[in-house]
Amino acid sequence: MTRLGYGEKMRQWRVEKYRGKDKPNNAKLGRMTVMTAGSKAEGLTCFFENDWDVLLILDHVRCVEAVVSLQTISDDIYVFRMDTRVYPGPCRLSKERLADAASDVIHNAL
C-alpha cells in the first residue's frame, strides 16, 4: 500500500495539506469555520479522487450534551441541547437559548 501512496506517512502528509487548505477559507468567512471531513480528512484519498466532504460550523452556535452547564457558554451564542443518553444514533435538538443578535440562518432553519 505504501508504493501506491496509501502508507501512514503519505496519509499524514495529505491530512496536513487538506487542513492547510481550510485555513485560508476560514480567514475569509468570519463567523463560520470550514473543516474537511470524511475520507479526505483521514488522508485516505488523493486530491482529485472521490468527493470532498466539508463541514461548515457556525461559530455563534453551540450544540451541547445534557450534562453541560449553560453558565459556561457566552450569552451571545445560540445554544441547542441534545440528549445522547437515550439512543446512540440521531437525536432531536431542543432550543435552550437564543442569542440577542438575530441570525437569519438559524431563524430560517427553525
PDB file of N, CA and C in Angstrom:
ATOM      1  N   MET A   1       0.828  -1.194   0.000  1.00  0.00           N
ATOM      2  CA  MET A   1       0.000   0.000   0.000  1.00  0.00           C
ATOM      3  C   MET A   1       0.875   1.262   0.000  1.00  0.00           C
ATOM      4  N   THR A   2       2.059   1.162   0.607  1.00  0.00           N
ATOM      5  CA  THR A   2       2.946   2.321   0.637  1.00  0.00           C
ATOM      6  C   THR A   2       3.366   2.715  -0.771  1.00  0.00           C
ATOM      7  N   ARG A   3       3.665   1.757  -1.616  1.00  0.00           N
ATOM      8  CA  ARG A   3       4.065   2.050  -3.002  1.00  0.00           C
ATOM      9  C   ARG A   3       2.940   2.727  -3.783  1.00  0.00           C
ATOM     10  N   LEU A   4       1.709   2.449  -3.435  1.00  0.00           N
ATOM     11  CA  LEU A   4       0.564   3.045  -4.115  1.00  0.00           C
ATOM     12  C   LEU A   4       0.198   4.430  -3.566  1.00  0.00           C
ATOM     13  N   GLY A   5       0.885   4.864  -2.511  1.00  0.00           N
ATOM     14  CA  GLY A   5       0.617   6.181  -1.944  1.00  0.00           C
ATOM     15  C   GLY A   5      -0.379   6.183  -0.805  1.00  0.00           C
ATOM     16  N   TYR A   6      -0.582   5.023  -0.178  1.00  0.00           N
ATOM     17  CA  TYR A   6      -1.539   4.937   0.922  1.00  0.00           C
ATOM     18  C   TYR A   6      -0.882   4.509   2.230  1.00  0.00           C
ATOM     19  N   GLY A   7       0.416   4.688   2.349  1.00  0.00           N
ATOM     20  CA  GLY A   7       1.115   4.378   3.589  1.00  0.00           C
ATOM     21  C   GLY A   7       0.826   5.421   4.648  1.00  0.00           C
ATOM     22  N   GLU A   8       1.245   5.162   5.877  1.00  0.00           N
ATOM     23  CA  GLU A   8       0.943   6.042   7.014  1.00  0.00           C
ATOM     24  C   GLU A   8       1.532   7.440   6.832  1.00  0.00           C
ATOM     25  N   LYS A   9       2.778   7.531   6.353  1.00  0.00           N
ATOM     26  CA  LYS A   9       3.410   8.845   6.176  1.00  0.00           C
ATOM     27  C   LYS A   9       2.702   9.661   5.097  1.00  0.00           C
ATOM     28  N   MET A  10       2.331   9.009   4.013  1.00  0.00           N
ATOM     29  CA  MET A  10       1.635   9.708   2.926  1.00  0.00           C
ATOM     30  C   MET A  10       0.245  10.173   3.367  1.00  0.00           C
ATOM     31  N   ARG A  11      -0.441   9.330   4.126  1.00  0.00           N
ATOM     32  CA  ARG A  11      -1.761   9.718   4.632  1.00  0.00           C
ATOM     33  C   ARG A  11      -1.640  10.922   5.558  1.00  0.00           C
ATOM     34  N   GLN A  12      -0.637  10.908   6.450  1.00  0.00           N
ATOM     35  CA  GLN A  12      -0.445  12.026   7.376  1.00  0.00           C
ATOM     36  C   GLN A  12      -0.122  13.307   6.605  1.00  0.00           C
ATOM     37  N   TRP A  13       0.679  13.203   5.559  1.00  0.00           N
ATOM     38  CA  TRP A  13       1.011  14.363   4.731  1.00  0.00           C
ATOM     39  C   TRP A  13      -0.250  14.937   4.094  1.00  0.00           C
ATOM     40  N   ARG A  14      -1.120  14.062   3.576  1.00  0.00           N
ATOM     41  CA  ARG A  14      -2.370  14.523   2.966  1.00  0.00           C
ATOM     42  C   ARG A  14      -3.250  15.235   3.986  1.00  0.00           C
ATOM     43  N   VAL A  15      -3.360  14.667   5.195  1.00  0.00           N
ATOM     44  CA  VAL A  15      -4.182  15.281   6.251  1.00  0.00           C
ATOM     45  C   VAL A  15      -3.696  16.698   6.524  1.00  0.00           C
ATOM     46  N   GLU A  16      -2.400  16.889   6.636  1.00  0.00           N
ATOM     47  CA  GLU A  16      -1.848  18.215   6.901  1.00  0.00           C
ATOM     48  C   GLU A  16      -2.126  19.178   5.750  1.00  0.00           C
ATOM     49  N   LYS A  17      -2.032  18.712   4.520  1.00  0.00           N
ATOM     50  CA  LYS A  17      -2.290  19.562   3.354  1.00  0.00           C
ATOM     51  C   LYS A  17      -3.764  19.956   3.270  1.00  0.00           C
ATOM     52  N   TYR A  18      -4.665  19.025   3.539  1.00  0.00           N
ATOM     53  CA  TYR A  18      -6.093  19.349   3.497  1.00  0.00           C
ATOM     54  C   TYR A  18      -6.468  20.322   4.611  1.00  0.00           C
ATOM     55  N   ARG A  19      -5.877  20.164   5.786  1.00  0.00           N
ATOM     56  CA  ARG A  19      -6.124  21.128   6.872  1.00  0.00           C
ATOM     57  C   ARG A  19      -5.589  22.502   6.498  1.00  0.00           C
ATOM     58  N   GLY A  20      -4.426  22.518   5.850  1.00  0.00           N
ATOM     59  CA  GLY A  20      -3.847  23.773   5.391  1.00  0.00           C
ATOM     60  C   GLY A  20      -4.718  24.455   4.350  1.00  0.00           C
ATOM     61  N   LYS A  21      -5.422  23.683   3.546  1.00  0.00           N
ATOM     62  CA  LYS A  21      -6.319  24.229   2.539  1.00  0.00           C
ATOM     63  C   LYS A  21      -7.529  24.907   3.188  1.00  0.00           C
ATOM     64  N   ASP A  22      -7.948  24.420   4.347  1.00  0.00           N
ATOM     65  CA  ASP A  22      -9.089  25.004   5.050  1.00  0.00           C
ATOM     66  C   ASP A  22      -8.767  26.361   5.671  1.00  0.00           C
ATOM     67  N   LYS A  23      -7.522  26.594   6.067  1.00  0.00           N
ATOM     68  CA  LYS A  23      -7.158  27.811   6.797  1.00  0.00           C
ATOM     69  C   LYS A  23      -7.458  29.099   6.036  1.00  0.00           C
ATOM     70  N   PRO A  24      -7.092  29.242   4.748  1.00  0.00           N
ATOM     71  CA  PRO A  24      -7.434  30.496   4.045  1.00  0.00           C
ATOM     72  C   PRO A  24      -8.940  30.720   3.932  1.00  0.00           C
ATOM     73  N   ASN A  25      -9.703  29.644   3.765  1.00  0.00           N
ATOM     74  CA  ASN A  25     -11.162  29.768   3.700  1.00  0.00           C
ATOM     75  C   ASN A  25     -11.713  30.295   5.013  1.00  0.00           C
ATOM     76  N   ASN A  26     -11.181  29.817   6.125  1.00  0.00           N
ATOM     77  CA  ASN A  26     -11.658  30.251   7.441  1.00  0.00           C
ATOM     78  C   ASN A  26     -11.345  31.724   7.684  1.00  0.00           C
ATOM     79  N   ALA A  27     -10.231  32.205   7.170  1.00  0.00           N
ATOM     80  CA  ALA A  27      -9.872  33.606   7.345  1.00  0.00           C
ATOM     81  C   ALA A  27     -10.852  34.520   6.601  1.00  0.00           C
ATOM     82  N   LYS A  28     -11.384  34.064   5.476  1.00  0.00           N
ATOM     83  CA  LYS A  28     -12.306  34.867   4.671  1.00  0.00           C
ATOM     84  C   LYS A  28     -13.729  34.855   5.221  1.00  0.00           C
ATOM     85  N   LEU A  29     -14.134  33.759   5.845  1.00  0.00           N
ATOM     86  CA  LEU A  29     -15.540  33.566   6.182  1.00  0.00           C
ATOM     87  C   LEU A  29     -16.019  34.333   7.413  1.00  0.00           C
ATOM     88  N   GLY A  30     -15.157  34.613   8.347  1.00  0.00           N
ATOM     89  CA  GLY A  30     -15.588  35.367   9.521  1.00  0.00           C
ATOM     90  C   GLY A  30     -16.205  34.497  10.601  1.00  0.00           C
ATOM     91  N   ARG A  31     -17.545  34.474  10.697  1.00  0.00           N
ATOM     92  CA  ARG A  31     -18.227  33.766  11.787  1.00  0.00           C
ATOM     93  C   ARG A  31     -18.545  32.318  11.452  1.00  0.00           C
ATOM     94  N   MET A  32     -17.794  31.736  10.548  1.00  0.00           N
ATOM     95  CA  MET A  32     -18.011  30.353  10.150  1.00  0.00           C
ATOM     96  C   MET A  32     -16.653  29.659   9.996  1.00  0.00           C
ATOM     97  N   THR A  33     -16.589  28.395  10.386  1.00  0.00           N
ATOM     98  CA  THR A  33     -15.375  27.617  10.259  1.00  0.00           C
ATOM     99  C   THR A  33     -15.630  26.465   9.292  1.00  0.00           C
ATOM    100  N   VAL A  34     -14.680  26.227   8.391  1.00  0.00           N
ATOM    101  CA  VAL A  34     -14.782  25.140   7.418  1.00  0.00           C
ATOM    102  C   VAL A  34     -13.811  24.048   7.826  1.00  0.00           C
ATOM    103  N   MET A  35     -14.295  22.808   7.839  1.00  0.00           N
ATOM    104  CA  MET A  35     -13.434  21.663   8.135  1.00  0.00           C
ATOM    105  C   MET A  35     -13.639  20.600   7.072  1.00  0.00           C
ATOM    106  N   THR A  36     -12.539  20.088   6.541  1.00  0.00           N
ATOM    107  CA  THR A  36     -12.618  18.957   5.631  1.00  0.00           C
ATOM    108  C   THR A  36     -12.954  17.729   6.460  1.00  0.00           C
ATOM    109  N   ALA A  37     -13.880  16.926   5.963  1.00  0.00           N
ATOM    110  CA  ALA A  37     -14.333  15.741   6.707  1.00  0.00           C
ATOM    111  C   ALA A  37     -14.227  14.510   5.813  1.00  0.00           C
ATOM    112  N   GLY A  38     -14.592  13.376   6.353  1.00  0.00           N
ATOM    113  CA  GLY A  38     -14.658  12.141   5.578  1.00  0.00           C
ATOM    114  C   GLY A  38     -13.304  11.582   5.197  1.00  0.00           C
ATOM    115  N   SER A  39     -13.246  10.962   4.025  1.00  0.00           N
ATOM    116  CA  SER A  39     -12.029  10.271   3.599  1.00  0.00           C
ATOM    117  C   SER A  39     -10.869  11.234   3.357  1.00  0.00           C
ATOM    118  N   LYS A  40     -11.150  12.459   2.931  1.00  0.00           N
ATOM    119  CA  LYS A  40     -10.084  13.442   2.747  1.00  0.00           C
ATOM    120  C   LYS A  40      -9.458  13.806   4.097  1.00  0.00           C
ATOM    121  N   ALA A  41     -10.269  14.001   5.116  1.00  0.00           N
ATOM    122  CA  ALA A  41      -9.764  14.372   6.440  1.00  0.00           C
ATOM    123  C   ALA A  41      -8.917  13.263   7.047  1.00  0.00           C
ATOM    124  N   GLU A  42      -9.158  12.036   6.654  1.00  0.00           N
ATOM    125  CA  GLU A  42      -8.379  10.913   7.152  1.00  0.00           C
ATOM    126  C   GLU A  42      -7.176  10.605   6.266  1.00  0.00           C
ATOM    127  N   GLY A  43      -7.029  11.332   5.161  1.00  0.00           N
ATOM    128  CA  GLY A  43      -5.905  11.134   4.268  1.00  0.00           C
ATOM    129  C   GLY A  43      -6.017   9.896   3.399  1.00  0.00           C
ATOM    130  N   LEU A  44      -7.212   9.374   3.258  1.00  0.00           N
ATOM    131  CA  LEU A  44      -7.399   8.123   2.514  1.00  0.00           C
ATOM    132  C   LEU A  44      -7.489   8.313   1.010  1.00  0.00           C
ATOM    133  N   THR A  45      -7.798   9.529   0.544  1.00  0.00           N
ATOM    134  CA  THR A  45      -7.961   9.750  -0.888  1.00  0.00           C
ATOM    135  C   THR A  45      -7.101  10.920  -1.348  1.00  0.00           C
ATOM    136  N   CYS A  46      -6.684  10.853  -2.601  1.00  0.00           N
ATOM    137  CA  CYS A  46      -5.887  11.917  -3.208  1.00  0.00           C
ATOM    138  C   CYS A  46      -6.785  13.108  -3.540  1.00  0.00           C
ATOM    139  N   PHE A  47      -6.168  14.193  -4.012  1.00  0.00           N
ATOM    140  CA  PHE A  47      -6.878  15.448  -4.230  1.00  0.00           C
ATOM    141  C   PHE A  47      -8.066  15.310  -5.177  1.00  0.00           C
ATOM    142  N   PHE A  48      -7.876  14.720  -6.347  1.00  0.00           N
ATOM    143  CA  PHE A  48      -8.953  14.603  -7.323  1.00  0.00           C
ATOM    144  C   PHE A  48      -9.666  13.260  -7.246  1.00  0.00           C
ATOM    145  N   GLU A  49      -9.399  12.500  -6.236  1.00  0.00           N
ATOM    146  CA  GLU A  49     -10.009  11.186  -6.079  1.00  0.00           C
ATOM    147  C   GLU A  49     -11.216  11.286  -5.147  1.00  0.00           C
ATOM    148  N   ASN A  50     -12.347  10.780  -5.580  1.00  0.00           N
ATOM    149  CA  ASN A  50     -13.559  10.729  -4.776  1.00  0.00           C
ATOM    150  C   ASN A  50     -14.130  12.137  -4.538  1.00  0.00           C
ATOM    151  N   ASP A  51     -15.155  12.239  -3.688  1.00  0.00           N
ATOM    152  CA  ASP A  51     -15.794  13.527  -3.412  1.00  0.00           C
ATOM    153  C   ASP A  51     -15.073  14.251  -2.283  1.00  0.00           C
ATOM    154  N   TRP A  52     -15.506  15.480  -2.025  1.00  0.00           N
ATOM    155  CA  TRP A  52     -14.902  16.298  -0.977  1.00  0.00           C
ATOM    156  C   TRP A  52     -15.989  16.641   0.026  1.00  0.00           C
ATOM    157  N   ASP A  53     -15.877  16.094   1.221  1.00  0.00           N
ATOM    158  CA  ASP A  53     -16.853  16.355   2.279  1.00  0.00           C
ATOM    159  C   ASP A  53     -16.375  17.533   3.109  1.00  0.00           C
ATOM    160  N   VAL A  54     -17.266  18.486   3.330  1.00  0.00           N
ATOM    161  CA  VAL A  54     -16.933  19.683   4.087  1.00  0.00           C
ATOM    162  C   VAL A  54     -17.968  19.884   5.180  1.00  0.00           C
ATOM    163  N   LEU A  55     -17.508  20.257   6.348  1.00  0.00           N
ATOM    164  CA  LEU A  55     -18.372  20.563   7.478  1.00  0.00           C
ATOM    165  C   LEU A  55     -18.291  22.060   7.732  1.00  0.00           C
ATOM    166  N   LEU A  56     -19.433  22.751   7.698  1.00  0.00           N
ATOM    167  CA  LEU A  56     -19.487  24.182   7.986  1.00  0.00           C
ATOM    168  C   LEU A  56     -19.976  24.364   9.419  1.00  0.00           C
ATOM    169  N   ILE A  57     -19.198  25.049  10.220  1.00  0.00           N
ATOM    170  CA  ILE A  57     -19.514  25.234  11.631  1.00  0.00           C
ATOM    171  C   ILE A  57     -19.777  26.715  11.887  1.00  0.00           C
ATOM    172  N   LEU A  58     -20.969  27.028  12.345  1.00  0.00           N
ATOM    173  CA  LEU A  58     -21.300  28.410  12.711  1.00  0.00           C
ATOM    174  C   LEU A  58     -20.698  28.693  14.077  1.00  0.00           C
ATOM    175  N   ASP A  59     -19.840  29.705  14.158  1.00  0.00           N
ATOM    176  CA  ASP A  59     -19.122  29.990  15.402  1.00  0.00           C
ATOM    177  C   ASP A  59     -20.026  30.513  16.510  1.00  0.00           C
ATOM    178  N   HIS A  60     -21.194  31.047  16.155  1.00  0.00           N
ATOM    179  CA  HIS A  60     -22.092  31.610  17.159  1.00  0.00           C
ATOM    180  C   HIS A  60     -23.201  30.632  17.556  1.00  0.00           C
ATOM    181  N   VAL A  61     -23.013  29.344  17.264  1.00  0.00           N
ATOM    182  CA  VAL A  61     -23.991  28.316  17.614  1.00  0.00           C
ATOM    183  C   VAL A  61     -23.260  27.168  18.298  1.00  0.00           C
ATOM    184  N   ARG A  62     -23.817  26.677  19.400  1.00  0.00           N
ATOM    185  CA  ARG A  62     -23.246  25.525  20.096  1.00  0.00           C
ATOM    186  C   ARG A  62     -24.330  24.487  20.307  1.00  0.00           C
ATOM    187  N   CYS A  63     -23.972  23.262  20.118  1.00  0.00           N
ATOM    188  CA  CYS A  63     -24.847  22.136  20.417  1.00  0.00           C
ATOM    189  C   CYS A  63     -24.161  21.360  21.531  1.00  0.00           C
ATOM    190  N   VAL A  64     -24.816  21.272  22.675  1.00  0.00           N
ATOM    191  CA  VAL A  64     -24.185  20.667  23.844  1.00  0.00           C
ATOM    192  C   VAL A  64     -24.977  19.452  24.305  1.00  0.00           C
ATOM    193  N   GLU A  65     -24.311  18.598  25.054  1.00  0.00           N
ATOM    194  CA  GLU A  65     -24.980  17.440  25.630  1.00  0.00           C
ATOM    195  C   GLU A  65     -25.707  17.852  26.903  1.00  0.00           C
ATOM    196  N   ALA A  66     -26.530  16.963  27.419  1.00  0.00           N
ATOM    197  CA  ALA A  66     -27.400  17.267  28.556  1.00  0.00           C
ATOM    198  C   ALA A  66     -26.619  17.647  29.814  1.00  0.00           C
ATOM    199  N   VAL A  67     -25.400  17.192  29.972  1.00  0.00           N
ATOM    200  CA  VAL A  67     -24.655  17.421  31.211  1.00  0.00           C
ATOM    201  C   VAL A  67     -23.908  18.754  31.236  1.00  0.00           C
ATOM    202  N   VAL A  68     -23.880  19.498  30.133  1.00  0.00           N
ATOM    203  CA  VAL A  68     -23.128  20.750  30.055  1.00  0.00           C
ATOM    204  C   VAL A  68     -23.937  21.886  30.671  1.00  0.00           C
ATOM    205  N   SER A  69     -23.276  22.690  31.503  1.00  0.00           N
ATOM    206  CA  SER A  69     -23.921  23.833  32.146  1.00  0.00           C
ATOM    207  C   SER A  69     -23.954  25.014  31.184  1.00  0.00           C
ATOM    208  N   LEU A  70     -25.106  25.678  31.072  1.00  0.00           N
ATOM    209  CA  LEU A  70     -25.246  26.827  30.178  1.00  0.00           C
ATOM    210  C   LEU A  70     -24.496  28.062  30.680  1.00  0.00           C
ATOM    211  N   GLN A  71     -24.172  28.115  31.972  1.00  0.00           N
ATOM    212  CA  GLN A  71     -23.453  29.258  32.529  1.00  0.00           C
ATOM    213  C   GLN A  71     -22.028  29.354  31.988  1.00  0.00           C
ATOM    214  N   THR A  72     -21.501  28.263  31.434  1.00  0.00           N
ATOM    215  CA  THR A  72     -20.141  28.272  30.909  1.00  0.00           C
ATOM    216  C   THR A  72     -20.078  28.785  29.473  1.00  0.00           C
ATOM    217  N   ILE A  73     -21.239  29.073  28.872  1.00  0.00           N
ATOM    218  CA  ILE A  73     -21.303  29.498  27.480  1.00  0.00           C
ATOM    219  C   ILE A  73     -21.733  30.960  27.420  1.00  0.00           C
ATOM    220  N   SER A  74     -21.051  31.741  26.622  1.00  0.00           N
ATOM    221  CA  SER A  74     -21.320  33.169  26.496  1.00  0.00           C
ATOM    222  C   SER A  74     -22.766  33.428  26.073  1.00  0.00           C
ATOM    223  N   ASP A  75     -23.309  34.584  26.484  1.00  0.00           N
ATOM    224  CA  ASP A  75     -24.705  34.921  26.201  1.00  0.00           C
ATOM    225  C   ASP A  75     -24.976  35.242  24.731  1.00  0.00           C
ATOM    226  N   ASP A  76     -23.945  35.548  23.954  1.00  0.00           N
ATOM    227  CA  ASP A  76     -24.149  35.901  22.542  1.00  0.00           C
ATOM    228  C   ASP A  76     -24.079  34.681  21.613  1.00  0.00           C
ATOM    229  N   ILE A  77     -24.203  33.494  22.182  1.00  0.00           N
ATOM    230  CA  ILE A  77     -24.130  32.248  21.410  1.00  0.00           C
ATOM    231  C   ILE A  77     -25.456  31.504  21.512  1.00  0.00           C
ATOM    232  N   TYR A  78     -25.978  31.071  20.363  1.00  0.00           N
ATOM    233  CA  TYR A  78     -27.167  30.224  20.336  1.00  0.00           C
ATOM    234  C   TYR A  78     -26.798  28.869  20.936  1.00  0.00           C
ATOM    235  N   VAL A  79     -27.674  28.327  21.776  1.00  0.00           N
ATOM    236  CA  VAL A  79     -27.380  27.040  22.411  1.00  0.00           C
ATOM    237  C   VAL A  79     -28.531  26.066  22.150  1.00  0.00           C
ATOM    238  N   PHE A  80     -28.189  24.901  21.666  1.00  0.00           N
ATOM    239  CA  PHE A  80     -29.118  23.803  21.473  1.00  0.00           C
ATOM    240  C   PHE A  80     -28.621  22.630  22.300  1.00  0.00           C
ATOM    241  N   ARG A  81     -29.536  21.875  22.846  1.00  0.00           N
ATOM    242  CA  ARG A  81     -29.168  20.735  23.694  1.00  0.00           C
ATOM    243  C   ARG A  81     -29.619  19.443  23.017  1.00  0.00           C
ATOM    244  N   MET A  82     -28.769  18.427  23.126  1.00  0.00           N
ATOM    245  CA  MET A  82     -29.127  17.110  22.609  1.00  0.00           C
ATOM    246  C   MET A  82     -28.973  16.098  23.733  1.00  0.00           C
ATOM    247  N   ASP A  83     -29.902  15.176  23.783  1.00  0.00           N
ATOM    248  CA  ASP A  83     -29.861  14.147  24.817  1.00  0.00           C
ATOM    249  C   ASP A  83     -29.321  12.869  24.197  1.00  0.00           C
ATOM    250  N   THR A  84     -28.060  12.578  24.478  1.00  0.00           N
ATOM    251  CA  THR A  84     -27.402  11.401  23.910  1.00  0.00           C
ATOM    252  C   THR A  84     -27.432  10.206  24.858  1.00  0.00           C
ATOM    253  N   ARG A  85     -28.056  10.370  26.024  1.00  0.00           N
ATOM    254  CA  ARG A  85     -28.084   9.256  26.983  1.00  0.00           C
ATOM    255  C   ARG A  85     -29.099   8.193  26.598  1.00  0.00           C
ATOM    256  N   VAL A  86     -30.067   8.539  25.770  1.00  0.00           N
ATOM    257  CA  VAL A  86     -31.166   7.631  25.447  1.00  0.00           C
ATOM    258  C   VAL A  86     -30.808   6.696  24.302  1.00  0.00           C
ATOM    259  N   TYR A  87     -30.397   7.260  23.184  1.00  0.00           N
ATOM    260  CA  TYR A  87     -30.188   6.482  21.979  1.00  0.00           C
ATOM    261  C   TYR A  87     -28.892   6.938  21.317  1.00  0.00           C
ATOM    262  N   PRO A  88     -27.994   6.033  20.952  1.00  0.00           N
ATOM    263  CA  PRO A  88     -26.687   6.443  20.428  1.00  0.00           C
ATOM    264  C   PRO A  88     -26.704   6.940  18.980  1.00  0.00           C
ATOM    265  N   GLY A  89     -27.837   6.916  18.315  1.00  0.00           N
ATOM    266  CA  GLY A  89     -27.919   7.356  16.919  1.00  0.00           C
ATOM    267  C   GLY A  89     -28.344   8.800  16.806  1.00  0.00           C
ATOM    268  N   PRO A  90     -29.115   9.140  15.792  1.00  0.00           N
ATOM    269  CA  PRO A  90     -29.593  10.511  15.611  1.00  0.00           C
ATOM    270  C   PRO A  90     -30.438  10.961  16.804  1.00  0.00           C
ATOM    271  N   CYS A  91     -30.409  12.243  17.087  1.00  0.00           N
ATOM    272  CA  CYS A  91     -31.185  12.765  18.215  1.00  0.00           C
ATOM    273  C   CYS A  91     -31.836  14.082  17.813  1.00  0.00           C
ATOM    274  N   ARG A  92     -32.833  14.468  18.556  1.00  0.00           N
ATOM    275  CA  ARG A  92     -33.545  15.719  18.309  1.00  0.00           C
ATOM    276  C   ARG A  92     -32.911  16.811  19.174  1.00  0.00           C
ATOM    277  N   LEU A  93     -32.721  17.974  18.565  1.00  0.00           N
ATOM    278  CA  LEU A  93     -32.167  19.104  19.298  1.00  0.00           C
ATOM    279  C   LEU A  93     -33.290  19.903  19.928  1.00  0.00           C
ATOM    280  N   SER A  94     -33.061  20.348  21.147  1.00  0.00           N
ATOM    281  CA  SER A  94     -34.020  21.239  21.794  1.00  0.00           C
ATOM    282  C   SER A  94     -33.371  22.618  21.926  1.00  0.00           C
ATOM    283  N   LYS A  95     -34.147  23.643  21.650  1.00  0.00           N
ATOM    284  CA  LYS A  95     -33.652  25.017  21.714  1.00  0.00           C
ATOM    285  C   LYS A  95     -33.570  25.415  23.178  1.00  0.00           C
ATOM    286  N   GLU A  96     -32.368  25.718  23.636  1.00  0.00           N
ATOM    287  CA  GLU A  96     -32.174  26.110  25.034  1.00  0.00           C
ATOM    288  C   GLU A  96     -32.115  27.623  25.186  1.00  0.00           C
ATOM    289  N   ARG A  97     -31.353  28.268  24.321  1.00  0.00           N
ATOM    290  CA  ARG A  97     -31.189  29.718  24.450  1.00  0.00           C
ATOM    291  C   ARG A  97     -30.867  30.317  23.086  1.00  0.00           C
ATOM    292  N   LEU A  98     -31.580  31.371  22.736  1.00  0.00           N
ATOM    293  CA  LEU A  98     -31.278  32.115  21.517  1.00  0.00           C
ATOM    294  C   LEU A  98     -30.500  33.366  21.892  1.00  0.00           C
ATOM    295  N   ALA A  99     -29.519  33.693  21.090  1.00  0.00           N
ATOM    296  CA  ALA A  99     -28.692  34.868  21.356  1.00  0.00           C
ATOM    297  C   ALA A  99     -29.476  36.136  21.061  1.00  0.00           C
ATOM    298  N   ASP A 100     -29.014  37.240  21.608  1.00  0.00           N
ATOM    299  CA  ASP A 100     -29.669  38.530  21.394  1.00  0.00           C
ATOM    300  C   ASP A 100     -29.586  38.960  19.928  1.00  0.00           C
ATOM    301  N   ALA A 101     -28.422  38.778  19.335  1.00  0.00           N
ATOM    302  CA  ALA A 101     -28.251  39.170  17.935  1.00  0.00           C
ATOM    303  C   ALA A 101     -28.977  38.180  17.029  1.00  0.00           C
ATOM    304  N   ALA A 102     -29.803  38.710  16.152  1.00  0.00           N
ATOM    305  CA  ALA A 102     -30.589  37.844  15.270  1.00  0.00           C
ATOM    306  C   ALA A 102     -29.704  37.222  14.200  1.00  0.00           C
ATOM    307  N   SER A 103     -29.969  35.970  13.886  1.00  0.00           N
ATOM    308  CA  SER A 103     -29.266  35.257  12.833  1.00  0.00           C
ATOM    309  C   SER A 103     -30.288  34.721  11.849  1.00  0.00           C
ATOM    310  N   ASP A 104     -30.245  35.192  10.616  1.00  0.00           N
ATOM    311  CA  ASP A 104     -31.197  34.741   9.606  1.00  0.00           C
ATOM    312  C   ASP A 104     -31.047  33.248   9.329  1.00  0.00           C
ATOM    313  N   VAL A 105     -29.833  32.759   9.389  1.00  0.00           N
ATOM    314  CA  VAL A 105     -29.601  31.332   9.099  1.00  0.00           C
ATOM    315  C   VAL A 105     -30.330  30.450  10.125  1.00  0.00           C
ATOM    316  N   ILE A 106     -30.196  30.791  11.395  1.00  0.00           N
ATOM    317  CA  ILE A 106     -30.847  29.998  12.445  1.00  0.00           C
ATOM    318  C   ILE A 106     -32.353  30.192  12.390  1.00  0.00           C
ATOM    319  N   HIS A 107     -32.794  31.430  12.245  1.00  0.00           N
ATOM    320  CA  HIS A 107     -34.225  31.716  12.210  1.00  0.00           C
ATOM    321  C   HIS A 107     -34.908  30.952  11.062  1.00  0.00           C
ATOM    322  N   ASN A 108     -34.321  30.975   9.886  1.00  0.00           N
ATOM    323  CA  ASN A 108     -34.904  30.274   8.729  1.00  0.00           C
ATOM    324  C   ASN A 108     -34.880  28.756   8.904  1.00  0.00           C
ATOM    325  N   ALA A 109     -33.859  28.244   9.552  1.00  0.00           N
ATOM    326  CA  ALA A 109     -33.769  26.798   9.771  1.00  0.00           C
ATOM    327  C   ALA A 109     -34.816  26.321  10.762  1.00  0.00           C
ATOM    328  N   LEU A 110     -35.156  27.163  11.732  1.00  0.00           N
ATOM    329  CA  LEU A 110     -36.155  26.758  12.730  1.00  0.00           C
ATOM    330  C   LEU A 110     -37.545  26.868  12.158  1.00  0.00           C
TER     331      LEU A 110
END
